[in-house]
């Protein structure tokens, strides 16, 4: 489901593209100018770039995660106690 802000941005872009397509090719702004103008409009209307989420951390070297990782760590502690350390 789209937010109202996304719907508003899509409508604004569609209107700009429609108007640009109806303009004589000699009178059209460059595509870079067109994109720049639209980005300015988005920023003026509160849009900000949201960077992608960072990737999840890699699994532990032994491939264990969560409870299994804790159990393996406790098991290693238990082994250390039994060999006289």
PDB file of N, CA and C in Angstrom:
ATOM      1  N   UNK A   1       0.843  -1.180   0.000  1.00  0.00           N
ATOM      2  CA  UNK A   1       0.000   0.000   0.000  1.00  0.00           C
ATOM      3  C   UNK A   1       0.883   1.236   0.000  1.00  0.00           C
ATOM      4  N   UNK A   2       0.503   2.215  -0.807  1.00  0.00           N
ATOM      5  CA  UNK A   2       1.297   3.432  -0.908  1.00  0.00           C
ATOM      6  C   UNK A   2       0.803   4.488   0.070  1.00  0.00           C
ATOM      7  N   UNK A   3       1.723   5.309   0.494  1.00  0.00           N
ATOM      8  CA  UNK A   3       1.362   6.419   1.366  1.00  0.00           C
ATOM      9  C   UNK A   3       0.816   7.554   0.515  1.00  0.00           C
ATOM     10  N   UNK A   4       0.169   8.487   1.168  1.00  0.00           N
ATOM     11  CA  UNK A   4      -0.351   9.673   0.460  1.00  0.00           C
ATOM     12  C   UNK A   4       0.793  10.451  -0.182  1.00  0.00           C
ATOM     13  N   UNK A   5       1.930  10.520   0.492  1.00  0.00           N
ATOM     14  CA  UNK A   5       3.079  11.249  -0.057  1.00  0.00           C
ATOM     15  C   UNK A   5       3.574  10.585  -1.342  1.00  0.00           C
ATOM     16  N   UNK A   6       3.601   9.253  -1.363  1.00  0.00           N
ATOM     17  CA  UNK A   6       4.031   8.536  -2.564  1.00  0.00           C
ATOM     18  C   UNK A   6       3.041   8.752  -3.696  1.00  0.00           C
ATOM     19  N   UNK A   7       1.761   8.684  -3.385  1.00  0.00           N
ATOM     20  CA  UNK A   7       0.738   8.929  -4.406  1.00  0.00           C
ATOM     21  C   UNK A   7       0.855  10.337  -4.972  1.00  0.00           C
ATOM     22  N   UNK A   8       1.101  11.303  -4.101  1.00  0.00           N
ATOM     23  CA  UNK A   8       1.247  12.700  -4.537  1.00  0.00           C
ATOM     24  C   UNK A   8       2.460  12.858  -5.455  1.00  0.00           C
ATOM     25  N   UNK A   9       3.566  12.219  -5.099  1.00  0.00           N
ATOM     26  CA  UNK A   9       4.776  12.298  -5.917  1.00  0.00           C
ATOM     27  C   UNK A   9       4.556  11.637  -7.271  1.00  0.00           C
ATOM     28  N   UNK A  10       3.898  10.487  -7.280  1.00  0.00           N
ATOM     29  CA  UNK A  10       3.622   9.809  -8.550  1.00  0.00           C
ATOM     30  C   UNK A  10       2.733  10.658  -9.450  1.00  0.00           C
ATOM     31  N   UNK A  11       1.724  11.271  -8.869  1.00  0.00           N
ATOM     32  CA  UNK A  11       0.825  12.126  -9.650  1.00  0.00           C
ATOM     33  C   UNK A  11       1.579  13.325 -10.219  1.00  0.00           C
ATOM     34  N   UNK A  12       2.422  13.931  -9.404  1.00  0.00           N
ATOM     35  CA  UNK A  12       3.195  15.085  -9.871  1.00  0.00           C
ATOM     36  C   UNK A  12       4.143  14.684 -10.997  1.00  0.00           C
ATOM     37  N   UNK A  13       4.797  13.547 -10.864  1.00  0.00           N
ATOM     38  CA  UNK A  13       5.705  13.089 -11.906  1.00  0.00           C
ATOM     39  C   UNK A  13       4.942  12.768 -13.189  1.00  0.00           C
ATOM     40  N   UNK A  14       3.805  12.095 -13.052  1.00  0.00           N
ATOM     41  CA  UNK A  14       2.997  11.768 -14.233  1.00  0.00           C
ATOM     42  C   UNK A  14       2.551  13.034 -14.965  1.00  0.00           C
ATOM     43  N   UNK A  15       2.151  14.048 -14.228  1.00  0.00           N
ATOM     44  CA  UNK A  15       1.739  15.310 -14.855  1.00  0.00           C
ATOM     45  C   UNK A  15       2.912  15.969 -15.573  1.00  0.00           C
ATOM     46  N   UNK A  16       4.080  15.953 -14.945  1.00  0.00           N
ATOM     47  CA  UNK A  16       5.256  16.566 -15.575  1.00  0.00           C
ATOM     48  C   UNK A  16       5.678  15.799 -16.838  1.00  0.00           C
ATOM     49  N   UNK A  17       5.628  14.485 -16.781  1.00  0.00           N
ATOM     50  CA  UNK A  17       5.991  13.680 -17.949  1.00  0.00           C
ATOM     51  C   UNK A  17       4.995  13.916 -19.075  1.00  0.00           C
ATOM     52  N   UNK A  18       3.713  13.970 -18.732  1.00  0.00           N
ATOM     53  CA  UNK A  18       2.676  14.219 -19.732  1.00  0.00           C
ATOM     54  C   UNK A  18       2.910  15.572 -20.409  1.00  0.00           C
ATOM     55  N   UNK A  19       3.161  16.603 -19.607  1.00  0.00           N
ATOM     56  CA  UNK A  19       3.390  17.941 -20.164  1.00  0.00           C
ATOM     57  C   UNK A  19       4.670  17.956 -21.006  1.00  0.00           C
ATOM     58  N   UNK A  20       5.707  17.287 -20.536  1.00  0.00           N
ATOM     59  CA  UNK A  20       6.975  17.260 -21.286  1.00  0.00           C
ATOM     60  C   UNK A  20       6.804  16.533 -22.614  1.00  0.00           C
ATOM     61  N   UNK A  21       6.055  15.437 -22.611  1.00  0.00           N
ATOM     62  CA  UNK A  21       5.834  14.692 -23.850  1.00  0.00           C
ATOM     63  C   UNK A  21       5.058  15.498 -24.889  1.00  0.00           C
ATOM     64  N   UNK A  22       4.260  16.453 -24.439  1.00  0.00           N
ATOM     65  CA  UNK A  22       3.462  17.268 -25.359  1.00  0.00           C
ATOM     66  C   UNK A  22       4.221  18.502 -25.860  1.00  0.00           C
ATOM     67  N   UNK A  23       5.420  18.725 -25.332  1.00  0.00           N
ATOM     68  CA  UNK A  23       6.233  19.876 -25.745  1.00  0.00           C
ATOM     69  C   UNK A  23       7.036  19.514 -26.986  1.00  0.00           C
ATOM     70  N   UNK A  24       7.248  20.496 -27.861  1.00  0.00           N
ATOM     71  CA  UNK A  24       8.063  20.268 -29.052  1.00  0.00           C
ATOM     72  C   UNK A  24       9.461  19.817 -28.626  1.00  0.00           C
ATOM     73  N   UNK A  25      10.034  18.851 -29.331  1.00  0.00           N
ATOM     74  CA  UNK A  25      11.357  18.348 -28.949  1.00  0.00           C
ATOM     75  C   UNK A  25      12.422  19.441 -28.876  1.00  0.00           C
ATOM     76  N   UNK A  26      12.318  20.464 -29.732  1.00  0.00           N
ATOM     77  CA  UNK A  26      13.320  21.540 -29.706  1.00  0.00           C
ATOM     78  C   UNK A  26      13.178  22.417 -28.464  1.00  0.00           C
ATOM     79  N   UNK A  27      12.004  22.446 -27.864  1.00  0.00           N
ATOM     80  CA  UNK A  27      11.757  23.315 -26.704  1.00  0.00           C
ATOM     81  C   UNK A  27      11.886  22.586 -25.369  1.00  0.00           C
ATOM     82  N   UNK A  28      12.048  21.285 -25.403  1.00  0.00           N
ATOM     83  CA  UNK A  28      12.136  20.504 -24.163  1.00  0.00           C
ATOM     84  C   UNK A  28      13.442  20.763 -23.429  1.00  0.00           C
ATOM     85  N   UNK A  29      13.342  20.727 -22.112  1.00  0.00           N
ATOM     86  CA  UNK A  29      14.557  20.747 -21.292  1.00  0.00           C
ATOM     87  C   UNK A  29      15.256  19.407 -21.465  1.00  0.00           C
ATOM     88  N   UNK A  30      16.518  19.369 -21.139  1.00  0.00           N
ATOM     89  CA  UNK A  30      17.230  18.089 -21.203  1.00  0.00           C
ATOM     90  C   UNK A  30      16.655  17.153 -20.139  1.00  0.00           C
ATOM     91  N   UNK A  31      16.897  15.879 -20.304  1.00  0.00           N
ATOM     92  CA  UNK A  31      16.391  14.921 -19.322  1.00  0.00           C
ATOM     93  C   UNK A  31      17.022  15.153 -17.949  1.00  0.00           C
ATOM     94  N   UNK A  32      18.276  15.607 -17.934  1.00  0.00           N
ATOM     95  CA  UNK A  32      18.939  15.900 -16.658  1.00  0.00           C
ATOM     96  C   UNK A  32      18.256  17.077 -15.963  1.00  0.00           C
ATOM     97  N   UNK A  33      17.945  18.131 -16.736  1.00  0.00           N
ATOM     98  CA  UNK A  33      17.239  19.282 -16.155  1.00  0.00           C
ATOM     99  C   UNK A  33      15.853  18.865 -15.653  1.00  0.00           C
ATOM    100  N   UNK A  34      15.185  18.019 -16.417  1.00  0.00           N
ATOM    101  CA  UNK A  34      13.863  17.529 -16.027  1.00  0.00           C
ATOM    102  C   UNK A  34      13.953  16.767 -14.707  1.00  0.00           C
ATOM    103  N   UNK A  35      14.912  15.862 -14.599  1.00  0.00           N
ATOM    104  CA  UNK A  35      15.086  15.072 -13.380  1.00  0.00           C
ATOM    105  C   UNK A  35      15.482  15.968 -12.203  1.00  0.00           C
ATOM    106  N   UNK A  36      16.363  16.938 -12.464  1.00  0.00           N
ATOM    107  CA  UNK A  36      16.797  17.855 -11.406  1.00  0.00           C
ATOM    108  C   UNK A  36      15.610  18.643 -10.866  1.00  0.00           C
ATOM    109  N   UNK A  37      14.771  19.142 -11.754  1.00  0.00           N
ATOM    110  CA  UNK A  37      13.597  19.910 -11.329  1.00  0.00           C
ATOM    111  C   UNK A  37      12.674  19.050 -10.470  1.00  0.00           C
ATOM    112  N   UNK A  38      12.487  17.808 -10.882  1.00  0.00           N
ATOM    113  CA  UNK A  38      11.608  16.945 -10.106  1.00  0.00           C
ATOM    114  C   UNK A  38      12.202  16.621  -8.742  1.00  0.00           C
ATOM    115  N   UNK A  39      13.508  16.394  -8.672  1.00  0.00           N
ATOM    116  CA  UNK A  39      14.143  16.135  -7.376  1.00  0.00           C
ATOM    117  C   UNK A  39      14.018  17.351  -6.451  1.00  0.00           C
ATOM    118  N   UNK A  40      14.151  18.541  -7.021  1.00  0.00           N
ATOM    119  CA  UNK A  40      13.958  19.756  -6.223  1.00  0.00           C
ATOM    120  C   UNK A  40      12.534  19.800  -5.683  1.00  0.00           C
ATOM    121  N   UNK A  41      11.560  19.454  -6.535  1.00  0.00           N
ATOM    122  CA  UNK A  41      10.161  19.440  -6.102  1.00  0.00           C
ATOM    123  C   UNK A  41       9.973  18.431  -4.966  1.00  0.00           C
ATOM    124  N   UNK A  42      10.551  17.225  -5.116  1.00  0.00           N
ATOM    125  CA  UNK A  42      10.424  16.222  -4.063  1.00  0.00           C
ATOM    126  C   UNK A  42      11.007  16.719  -2.747  1.00  0.00           C
ATOM    127  N   UNK A  43      12.206  17.298  -2.813  1.00  0.00           N
ATOM    128  CA  UNK A  43      12.847  17.810  -1.592  1.00  0.00           C
ATOM    129  C   UNK A  43      12.022  18.923  -0.964  1.00  0.00           C
ATOM    130  N   UNK A  44      11.457  19.792  -1.787  1.00  0.00           N
ATOM    131  CA  UNK A  44      10.642  20.893  -1.273  1.00  0.00           C
ATOM    132  C   UNK A  44       9.376  20.381  -0.604  1.00  0.00           C
ATOM    133  N   UNK A  45       8.938  19.200  -0.978  1.00  0.00           N
ATOM    134  CA  UNK A  45       7.727  18.615  -0.399  1.00  0.00           C
ATOM    135  C   UNK A  45       8.027  17.598   0.692  1.00  0.00           C
ATOM    136  N   UNK A  46       9.251  17.630   1.219  1.00  0.00           N
ATOM    137  CA  UNK A  46       9.578  16.840   2.396  1.00  0.00           C
ATOM    138  C   UNK A  46      10.195  15.480   2.144  1.00  0.00           C
ATOM    139  N   UNK A  47      10.452  15.130   0.892  1.00  0.00           N
ATOM    140  CA  UNK A  47      11.064  13.830   0.629  1.00  0.00           C
ATOM    141  C   UNK A  47      12.533  13.883   0.993  1.00  0.00           C
ATOM    142  N   UNK A  48      13.007  12.817   1.620  1.00  0.00           N
ATOM    143  CA  UNK A  48      14.433  12.676   1.885  1.00  0.00           C
ATOM    144  C   UNK A  48      14.850  11.273   1.492  1.00  0.00           C
ATOM    145  N   UNK A  49      16.066  11.155   1.073  1.00  0.00           N
ATOM    146  CA  UNK A  49      16.595   9.846   0.677  1.00  0.00           C
ATOM    147  C   UNK A  49      16.778   8.988   1.914  1.00  0.00           C
ATOM    148  N   UNK A  50      16.266   7.783   1.854  1.00  0.00           N
ATOM    149  CA  UNK A  50      16.459   6.823   2.937  1.00  0.00           C
ATOM    150  C   UNK A  50      17.448   5.779   2.448  1.00  0.00           C
ATOM    151  N   UNK A  51      18.625   5.739   3.045  1.00  0.00           N
ATOM    152  CA  UNK A  51      19.607   4.755   2.580  1.00  0.00           C
ATOM    153  C   UNK A  51      19.128   3.343   2.876  1.00  0.00           C
ATOM    154  N   UNK A  52      19.613   2.379   2.124  1.00  0.00           N
ATOM    155  CA  UNK A  52      19.208   1.001   2.382  1.00  0.00           C
ATOM    156  C   UNK A  52      19.692   0.534   3.753  1.00  0.00           C
ATOM    157  N   UNK A  53      18.975  -0.414   4.301  1.00  0.00           N
ATOM    158  CA  UNK A  53      19.355  -0.959   5.604  1.00  0.00           C
ATOM    159  C   UNK A  53      20.688  -1.684   5.476  1.00  0.00           C
ATOM    160  N   UNK A  54      21.505  -1.626   6.511  1.00  0.00           N
ATOM    161  CA  UNK A  54      22.774  -2.351   6.450  1.00  0.00           C
ATOM    162  C   UNK A  54      22.514  -3.852   6.400  1.00  0.00           C
ATOM    163  N   UNK A  55      23.419  -4.587   5.801  1.00  0.00           N
ATOM    164  CA  UNK A  55      23.224  -6.036   5.742  1.00  0.00           C
ATOM    165  C   UNK A  55      23.309  -6.635   7.147  1.00  0.00           C
ATOM    166  N   UNK A  56      22.653  -7.757   7.358  1.00  0.00           N
ATOM    167  CA  UNK A  56      22.720  -8.371   8.688  1.00  0.00           C
ATOM    168  C   UNK A  56      24.144  -8.820   8.978  1.00  0.00           C
ATOM    169  N   UNK A  57      24.493  -8.883  10.255  1.00  0.00           N
ATOM    170  CA  UNK A  57      25.850  -9.316  10.594  1.00  0.00           C
ATOM    171  C   UNK A  57      26.065 -10.758  10.148  1.00  0.00           C
ATOM    172  N   UNK A  58      27.288 -11.088   9.809  1.00  0.00           N
ATOM    173  CA  UNK A  58      27.558 -12.468   9.385  1.00  0.00           C
ATOM    174  C   UNK A  58      27.358 -13.417  10.559  1.00  0.00           C
ATOM    175  N   UNK A  59      27.032 -14.651  10.270  1.00  0.00           N
ATOM    176  CA  UNK A  59      26.871 -15.605  11.368  1.00  0.00           C
ATOM    177  C   UNK A  59      28.203 -15.843  12.076  1.00  0.00           C
ATOM    178  N   UNK A  60      28.103 -16.368  13.246  1.00  0.00           N
ATOM    179  CA  UNK A  60      29.308 -16.689  14.013  1.00  0.00           C
ATOM    180  C   UNK A  60      30.158 -17.668  13.209  1.00  0.00           C
ATOM    181  N   UNK A  61      31.467 -17.722  13.459  1.00  0.00           N
ATOM    182  CA  UNK A  61      32.346 -18.593  12.673  1.00  0.00           C
ATOM    183  C   UNK A  61      31.892 -20.048  12.616  1.00  0.00           C
ATOM    184  N   UNK A  62      31.270 -20.522  13.679  1.00  0.00           N
ATOM    185  CA  UNK A  62      30.835 -21.915  13.683  1.00  0.00           C
ATOM    186  C   UNK A  62      29.432 -22.071  13.092  1.00  0.00           C
ATOM    187  N   UNK A  63      28.830 -20.976  12.629  1.00  0.00           N
ATOM    188  CA  UNK A  63      27.512 -21.033  12.006  1.00  0.00           C
ATOM    189  C   UNK A  63      26.361 -21.024  12.993  1.00  0.00           C
ATOM    190  N   UNK A  64      26.659 -20.932  14.279  1.00  0.00           N
ATOM    191  CA  UNK A  64      25.600 -20.940  15.281  1.00  0.00           C
ATOM    192  C   UNK A  64      25.108 -19.522  15.530  1.00  0.00           C
ATOM    193  N   UNK A  65      23.849 -19.426  15.884  1.00  0.00           N
ATOM    194  CA  UNK A  65      23.268 -18.125  16.207  1.00  0.00           C
ATOM    195  C   UNK A  65      22.352 -18.282  17.414  1.00  0.00           C
ATOM    196  N   UNK A  66      22.130 -17.192  18.088  1.00  0.00           N
ATOM    197  CA  UNK A  66      21.158 -17.151  19.172  1.00  0.00           C
ATOM    198  C   UNK A  66      21.449 -18.131  20.287  1.00  0.00           C
ATOM    199  N   UNK A  67      20.421 -18.926  20.613  1.00  0.00           N
ATOM    200  CA  UNK A  67      20.511 -19.859  21.733  1.00  0.00           C
ATOM    201  C   UNK A  67      21.602 -20.903  21.498  1.00  0.00           C
ATOM    202  N   UNK A  68      21.712 -21.378  20.239  1.00  0.00           N
ATOM    203  CA  UNK A  68      22.737 -22.385  19.958  1.00  0.00           C
ATOM    204  C   UNK A  68      24.138 -21.835  20.224  1.00  0.00           C
ATOM    205  N   UNK A  69      24.352 -20.565  19.893  1.00  0.00           N
ATOM    206  CA  UNK A  69      25.643 -19.932  20.133  1.00  0.00           C
ATOM    207  C   UNK A  69      25.935 -19.867  21.633  1.00  0.00           C
ATOM    208  N   UNK A  70      24.915 -19.497  22.422  1.00  0.00           N
ATOM    209  CA  UNK A  70      25.087 -19.430  23.875  1.00  0.00           C
ATOM    210  C   UNK A  70      25.381 -20.818  24.455  1.00  0.00           C
ATOM    211  N   UNK A  71      24.661 -21.844  23.978  1.00  0.00           N
ATOM    212  CA  UNK A  71      24.902 -23.209  24.462  1.00  0.00           C
ATOM    213  C   UNK A  71      26.311 -23.671  24.118  1.00  0.00           C
ATOM    214  N   UNK A  72      26.764 -23.368  22.909  1.00  0.00           N
ATOM    215  CA  UNK A  72      28.115 -23.773  22.515  1.00  0.00           C
ATOM    216  C   UNK A  72      29.159 -23.065  23.377  1.00  0.00           C
ATOM    217  N   UNK A  73      28.927 -21.791  23.681  1.00  0.00           N
ATOM    218  CA  UNK A  73      29.870 -21.062  24.528  1.00  0.00           C
ATOM    219  C   UNK A  73      29.913 -21.652  25.936  1.00  0.00           C
ATOM    220  N   UNK A  74      28.739 -21.989  26.477  1.00  0.00           N
ATOM    221  CA  UNK A  74      28.699 -22.605  27.808  1.00  0.00           C
ATOM    222  C   UNK A  74      29.361 -23.979  27.803  1.00  0.00           C
ATOM    223  N   UNK A  75      29.166 -24.717  26.727  1.00  0.00           N
ATOM    224  CA  UNK A  75      29.799 -26.032  26.609  1.00  0.00           C
ATOM    225  C   UNK A  75      31.322 -25.879  26.587  1.00  0.00           C
ATOM    226  N   UNK A  76      31.822 -24.873  25.901  1.00  0.00           N
ATOM    227  CA  UNK A  76      33.272 -24.638  25.867  1.00  0.00           C
ATOM    228  C   UNK A  76      33.779 -24.264  27.248  1.00  0.00           C
ATOM    229  N   UNK A  77      33.005 -23.474  27.984  1.00  0.00           N
ATOM    230  CA  UNK A  77      33.396 -23.131  29.356  1.00  0.00           C
ATOM    231  C   UNK A  77      33.464 -24.384  30.220  1.00  0.00           C
ATOM    232  N   UNK A  78      32.484 -25.256  30.020  1.00  0.00           N
ATOM    233  CA  UNK A  78      32.465 -26.509  30.785  1.00  0.00           C
ATOM    234  C   UNK A  78      33.661 -27.392  30.456  1.00  0.00           C
ATOM    235  N   UNK A  79      34.058 -27.436  29.201  1.00  0.00           N
ATOM    236  CA  UNK A  79      35.220 -28.231  28.810  1.00  0.00           C
ATOM    237  C   UNK A  79      36.495 -27.664  29.429  1.00  0.00           C
ATOM    238  N   UNK A  80      36.567 -26.355  29.506  1.00  0.00           N
ATOM    239  CA  UNK A  80      37.759 -25.722  30.063  1.00  0.00           C
ATOM    240  C   UNK A  80      37.892 -26.035  31.549  1.00  0.00           C
ATOM    241  N   UNK A  81      36.792 -26.122  32.245  1.00  0.00           N
ATOM    242  CA  UNK A  81      36.848 -26.403  33.694  1.00  0.00           C
ATOM    243  C   UNK A  81      37.265 -27.836  33.967  1.00  0.00           C
ATOM    244  N   UNK A  82      36.914 -28.757  33.057  1.00  0.00           N
ATOM    245  CA  UNK A  82      37.214 -30.170  33.327  1.00  0.00           C
ATOM    246  C   UNK A  82      38.647 -30.540  32.989  1.00  0.00           C
ATOM    247  N   UNK A  83      39.381 -29.713  32.247  1.00  0.00           N
ATOM    248  CA  UNK A  83      40.750 -30.090  31.915  1.00  0.00           C
ATOM    249  C   UNK A  83      41.776 -29.408  32.820  1.00  0.00           C
ATOM    250  N   UNK A  84      41.322 -28.920  33.982  1.00  0.00           N
ATOM    251  CA  UNK A  84      42.254 -28.401  34.959  1.00  0.00           C
ATOM    252  C   UNK A  84      42.601 -26.945  34.819  1.00  0.00           C
ATOM    253  N   UNK A  85      41.935 -26.217  33.996  1.00  0.00           N
ATOM    254  CA  UNK A  85      42.241 -24.789  33.888  1.00  0.00           C
ATOM    255  C   UNK A  85      41.537 -23.966  34.908  1.00  0.00           C
TER     256      UNK A  85
END
